[in-house]
Amino acid sequence: MPATIEAPTSWIESIGDFRLPPETDRQLQSLMDRNTEGLLQPAEKEELSALAALSEEISLLRAKALQLLGRRPA
């Protein structure tokens, strides 16, 4: 059985507020747009895949933190 630890609310709030840095988010959006247009090179496809996976992981962590706090995403 996994151990449970209590985390300060401020830690959970900081996870709930976490996002990709704006420059990285713009890069992800640009890669997604260019992918839709069929314009990505193989290295860019790898970058898109990595950034999309990171974004998804962050979204899942944020959702769990917000759930623990009883909040909805902004």
N, C-alpha and C. Protein backbone atom coordinates (compact mmCIF):
# COMPACT_ATOMS: atom_id res chain seq x y z
N MET A 1 0.85 -1.18 0.00
CA MET A 1 0.00 0.00 0.00
C MET A 1 0.89 1.24 0.00
N PRO A 2 0.68 2.16 -0.94
CA PRO A 2 1.52 3.37 -1.00
C PRO A 2 1.30 4.25 0.23
N ALA A 3 2.37 4.87 0.66
CA ALA A 3 2.29 5.79 1.77
C ALA A 3 1.67 7.10 1.31
N THR A 4 0.97 7.77 2.19
CA THR A 4 0.38 9.06 1.89
C THR A 4 1.08 10.12 2.73
N ILE A 5 1.44 11.20 2.10
CA ILE A 5 2.03 12.31 2.84
C ILE A 5 1.15 13.53 2.65
N GLU A 6 1.13 14.36 3.65
CA GLU A 6 0.38 15.60 3.54
C GLU A 6 1.30 16.67 2.95
N ALA A 7 0.78 17.38 1.99
CA ALA A 7 1.54 18.47 1.37
C ALA A 7 0.87 19.78 1.75
N PRO A 8 1.68 20.80 1.98
CA PRO A 8 1.08 22.11 2.26
C PRO A 8 0.20 22.56 1.09
N THR A 9 -0.89 23.22 1.41
CA THR A 9 -1.81 23.72 0.39
C THR A 9 -1.09 24.58 -0.63
N SER A 10 -0.10 25.35 -0.17
CA SER A 10 0.63 26.22 -1.10
C SER A 10 1.35 25.41 -2.18
N TRP A 11 1.82 24.23 -1.85
CA TRP A 11 2.48 23.37 -2.84
C TRP A 11 1.47 22.92 -3.88
N ILE A 12 0.32 22.48 -3.40
CA ILE A 12 -0.72 22.00 -4.32
C ILE A 12 -1.21 23.15 -5.20
N GLU A 13 -1.35 24.35 -4.61
CA GLU A 13 -1.76 25.52 -5.39
C GLU A 13 -0.73 25.83 -6.47
N SER A 14 0.55 25.72 -6.14
CA SER A 14 1.58 26.03 -7.14
C SER A 14 1.53 25.03 -8.29
N ILE A 15 1.20 23.78 -8.01
CA ILE A 15 1.05 22.79 -9.08
C ILE A 15 -0.19 23.13 -9.92
N GLY A 16 -1.25 23.56 -9.25
CA GLY A 16 -2.47 23.94 -9.96
C GLY A 16 -2.27 25.14 -10.87
N ASP A 17 -1.30 25.98 -10.53
CA ASP A 17 -1.02 27.18 -11.34
C ASP A 17 0.04 26.94 -12.41
N PHE A 18 0.67 25.77 -12.40
CA PHE A 18 1.79 25.51 -13.30
C PHE A 18 1.32 25.41 -14.75
N ARG A 19 2.11 26.00 -15.63
CA ARG A 19 1.84 25.94 -17.08
C ARG A 19 3.18 25.94 -17.82
N LEU A 20 3.12 25.59 -19.08
CA LEU A 20 4.31 25.74 -19.91
C LEU A 20 4.69 27.21 -19.95
N PRO A 21 5.98 27.52 -20.01
CA PRO A 21 6.36 28.92 -20.20
C PRO A 21 5.76 29.45 -21.50
N PRO A 22 5.42 30.74 -21.54
CA PRO A 22 4.75 31.30 -22.74
C PRO A 22 5.50 31.01 -24.04
N GLU A 23 6.82 31.13 -24.04
CA GLU A 23 7.58 30.88 -25.27
C GLU A 23 7.44 29.42 -25.71
N THR A 24 7.46 28.51 -24.77
CA THR A 24 7.32 27.09 -25.08
C THR A 24 5.90 26.80 -25.58
N ASP A 25 4.92 27.43 -24.96
CA ASP A 25 3.54 27.26 -25.39
C ASP A 25 3.35 27.78 -26.82
N ARG A 26 3.96 28.91 -27.13
CA ARG A 26 3.88 29.45 -28.50
C ARG A 26 4.55 28.49 -29.49
N GLN A 27 5.68 27.91 -29.10
CA GLN A 27 6.37 26.96 -29.97
C GLN A 27 5.50 25.73 -30.21
N LEU A 28 4.87 25.23 -29.16
CA LEU A 28 3.98 24.08 -29.31
C LEU A 28 2.84 24.42 -30.26
N GLN A 29 2.23 25.58 -30.09
CA GLN A 29 1.12 25.98 -30.97
C GLN A 29 1.59 26.11 -32.42
N SER A 30 2.76 26.69 -32.61
CA SER A 30 3.31 26.84 -33.96
C SER A 30 3.55 25.47 -34.61
N LEU A 31 4.12 24.56 -33.84
CA LEU A 31 4.37 23.22 -34.37
C LEU A 31 3.06 22.51 -34.69
N MET A 32 2.06 22.67 -33.84
CA MET A 32 0.76 22.04 -34.12
C MET A 32 0.14 22.62 -35.39
N ASP A 33 0.22 23.93 -35.55
CA ASP A 33 -0.32 24.56 -36.75
C ASP A 33 0.41 24.07 -38.00
N ARG A 34 1.73 24.05 -37.92
CA ARG A 34 2.52 23.62 -39.08
C ARG A 34 2.29 22.14 -39.37
N ASN A 35 2.06 21.34 -38.34
CA ASN A 35 1.77 19.92 -38.53
C ASN A 35 0.45 19.74 -39.27
N THR A 36 -0.54 20.54 -38.90
CA THR A 36 -1.84 20.49 -39.56
C THR A 36 -1.69 20.79 -41.05
N GLU A 37 -0.76 21.68 -41.37
CA GLU A 37 -0.52 22.06 -42.76
C GLU A 37 0.43 21.08 -43.46
N GLY A 38 0.94 20.09 -42.73
CA GLY A 38 1.85 19.10 -43.32
C GLY A 38 3.23 19.64 -43.61
N LEU A 39 3.70 20.61 -42.83
CA LEU A 39 4.95 21.30 -43.12
C LEU A 39 6.11 20.93 -42.19
N LEU A 40 5.93 19.94 -41.30
CA LEU A 40 6.99 19.65 -40.33
C LEU A 40 8.06 18.73 -40.88
N GLN A 41 9.29 19.03 -40.49
CA GLN A 41 10.42 18.17 -40.77
C GLN A 41 10.44 17.07 -39.70
N PRO A 42 11.16 15.97 -39.92
CA PRO A 42 11.19 14.89 -38.92
C PRO A 42 11.61 15.35 -37.52
N ALA A 43 12.61 16.20 -37.41
CA ALA A 43 13.05 16.68 -36.10
C ALA A 43 11.96 17.51 -35.42
N GLU A 44 11.22 18.26 -36.22
CA GLU A 44 10.13 19.06 -35.67
C GLU A 44 8.97 18.17 -35.20
N LYS A 45 8.77 17.06 -35.90
CA LYS A 45 7.74 16.12 -35.48
C LYS A 45 8.10 15.51 -34.12
N GLU A 46 9.38 15.23 -33.92
CA GLU A 46 9.84 14.71 -32.63
C GLU A 46 9.65 15.75 -31.54
N GLU A 47 9.99 17.01 -31.84
CA GLU A 47 9.81 18.09 -30.88
C GLU A 47 8.33 18.25 -30.53
N LEU A 48 7.47 18.20 -31.54
CA LEU A 48 6.04 18.32 -31.31
C LEU A 48 5.56 17.19 -30.41
N SER A 49 5.99 15.99 -30.68
CA SER A 49 5.57 14.85 -29.87
C SER A 49 6.01 15.02 -28.42
N ALA A 50 7.24 15.45 -28.21
CA ALA A 50 7.76 15.63 -26.84
C ALA A 50 7.02 16.76 -26.12
N LEU A 51 6.80 17.88 -26.80
CA LEU A 51 6.11 19.00 -26.16
C LEU A 51 4.64 18.67 -25.89
N ALA A 52 4.01 17.94 -26.79
CA ALA A 52 2.61 17.56 -26.58
C ALA A 52 2.50 16.61 -25.38
N ALA A 53 3.44 15.68 -25.27
CA ALA A 53 3.43 14.76 -24.12
C ALA A 53 3.66 15.53 -22.82
N LEU A 54 4.60 16.46 -22.82
CA LEU A 54 4.85 17.28 -21.64
C LEU A 54 3.62 18.10 -21.26
N SER A 55 3.00 18.72 -22.25
CA SER A 55 1.81 19.51 -22.00
C SER A 55 0.69 18.66 -21.41
N GLU A 56 0.54 17.45 -21.91
CA GLU A 56 -0.49 16.55 -21.39
C GLU A 56 -0.19 16.17 -19.94
N GLU A 57 1.06 15.86 -19.64
CA GLU A 57 1.43 15.52 -18.26
C GLU A 57 1.16 16.68 -17.31
N ILE A 58 1.51 17.88 -17.73
CA ILE A 58 1.25 19.07 -16.92
C ILE A 58 -0.25 19.24 -16.70
N SER A 59 -1.03 19.04 -17.74
CA SER A 59 -2.48 19.17 -17.63
C SER A 59 -3.05 18.17 -16.64
N LEU A 60 -2.56 16.95 -16.67
CA LEU A 60 -3.03 15.93 -15.74
C LEU A 60 -2.65 16.26 -14.30
N LEU A 61 -1.43 16.74 -14.10
CA LEU A 61 -0.99 17.14 -12.76
C LEU A 61 -1.82 18.31 -12.24
N ARG A 62 -2.03 19.29 -13.11
CA ARG A 62 -2.84 20.46 -12.72
C ARG A 62 -4.26 20.03 -12.37
N ALA A 63 -4.84 19.15 -13.16
CA ALA A 63 -6.21 18.70 -12.91
C ALA A 63 -6.31 18.00 -11.56
N LYS A 64 -5.34 17.18 -11.25
CA LYS A 64 -5.35 16.48 -9.96
C LYS A 64 -5.19 17.48 -8.81
N ALA A 65 -4.28 18.44 -8.96
CA ALA A 65 -4.08 19.45 -7.92
C ALA A 65 -5.35 20.27 -7.72
N LEU A 66 -5.97 20.69 -8.81
CA LEU A 66 -7.20 21.49 -8.71
C LEU A 66 -8.34 20.68 -8.11
N GLN A 67 -8.38 19.39 -8.42
CA GLN A 67 -9.39 18.51 -7.83
C GLN A 67 -9.19 18.45 -6.32
N LEU A 68 -7.94 18.29 -5.88
CA LEU A 68 -7.65 18.24 -4.45
C LEU A 68 -8.05 19.54 -3.76
N LEU A 69 -7.89 20.65 -4.48
CA LEU A 69 -8.24 21.95 -3.92
C LEU A 69 -9.72 22.29 -4.06
N GLY A 70 -10.46 21.46 -4.79
CA GLY A 70 -11.87 21.72 -5.01
C GLY A 70 -12.12 22.86 -5.96
N ARG A 71 -11.20 23.04 -6.93
CA ARG A 71 -11.32 24.14 -7.90
C ARG A 71 -11.47 23.61 -9.30
N ARG A 72 -11.83 24.51 -10.20
CA ARG A 72 -11.93 24.22 -11.62
C ARG A 72 -10.82 24.98 -12.34
N PRO A 73 -10.34 24.43 -13.48
CA PRO A 73 -9.32 25.16 -14.25
C PRO A 73 -9.83 26.52 -14.68
N ALA A 74 -8.91 27.47 -14.70
CA ALA A 74 -9.27 28.84 -15.13
C ALA A 74 -9.10 28.99 -16.62
